[in-house]
Amino acid sequence: EARLQPVDAILCHLALVDLLLLLTRGVPQTMTVFGMRNLLDDTGCKVVIYTYRIARALSVCITCMLSVFQAVTVAPAAGPMLSRLKAQLPQLLAPTFAALWFINMAVCIAAPFFSVAPRNGTVPPFTLNLGFCHVDFRDNLSYVLNGVAVSVRDFAFVGVMLGSSGFILLLLHRHRRQVRAVRRSQGSAMETRAARTVLMLVILYA
């Protein structure tokens, strides 16, 4: 019986999150650009913005998770602890997904309280005007705290992603040097493609 491989499960989860991003930000933004107004009421804005914030955070987190998973998978088994971790990776996927969803749902819980449908007239200060919805932070402190919290979270996960991706590139570089005399053509091309894939993944979210 065919089973979904761990990397495929992570990629499927990432695709689901990116689809949520498209539905909650891309589609409403596009409709607004084409002149459609009053798409959502206050309740609709709260639901859409909350879902968007969770999906955006999960997109970064799951991309980081994929990078870490690949780094652990290709790392040489230097001891019993790493060997056990490699063997348990498939069983750790579901708890990790659940933890990431729970953490980001908790972190983004304030988003619905600041989300309202657009009002006629000028946009108040400290308000993010998304076109289809407004995110009104009411005061400078709330605006700054939100920006700091989101930035710290994103930089933390991107930092882990950069570290694990750099580790993968280092392993690929060492492996390429070791096998250069044996396989100069096919092996080098495969490793180069793998290195380019890692770099593209990091550049996309860095």
Foldseek 3Di string as FASTA:
>chain_A
DDDQDPLNVLVVVLVVLVVLLCVLAVVVLVVLVVPDAPPDFLVRQLVSQLSNQLSVLVNLQSLLVSLLLVLLQPDPCPDPVSVVCVVCVVVCPVVVVVVSSVVSSVVSVCQSVQKGADDPDDDDPLWDCSSRIIRHLPDPVSSVVVVVVVVVSNVVSLVSLVVSLVSLLVVLVVVCVVCCVPDVPPSVVVSVVVNVVSVVSSVVSD
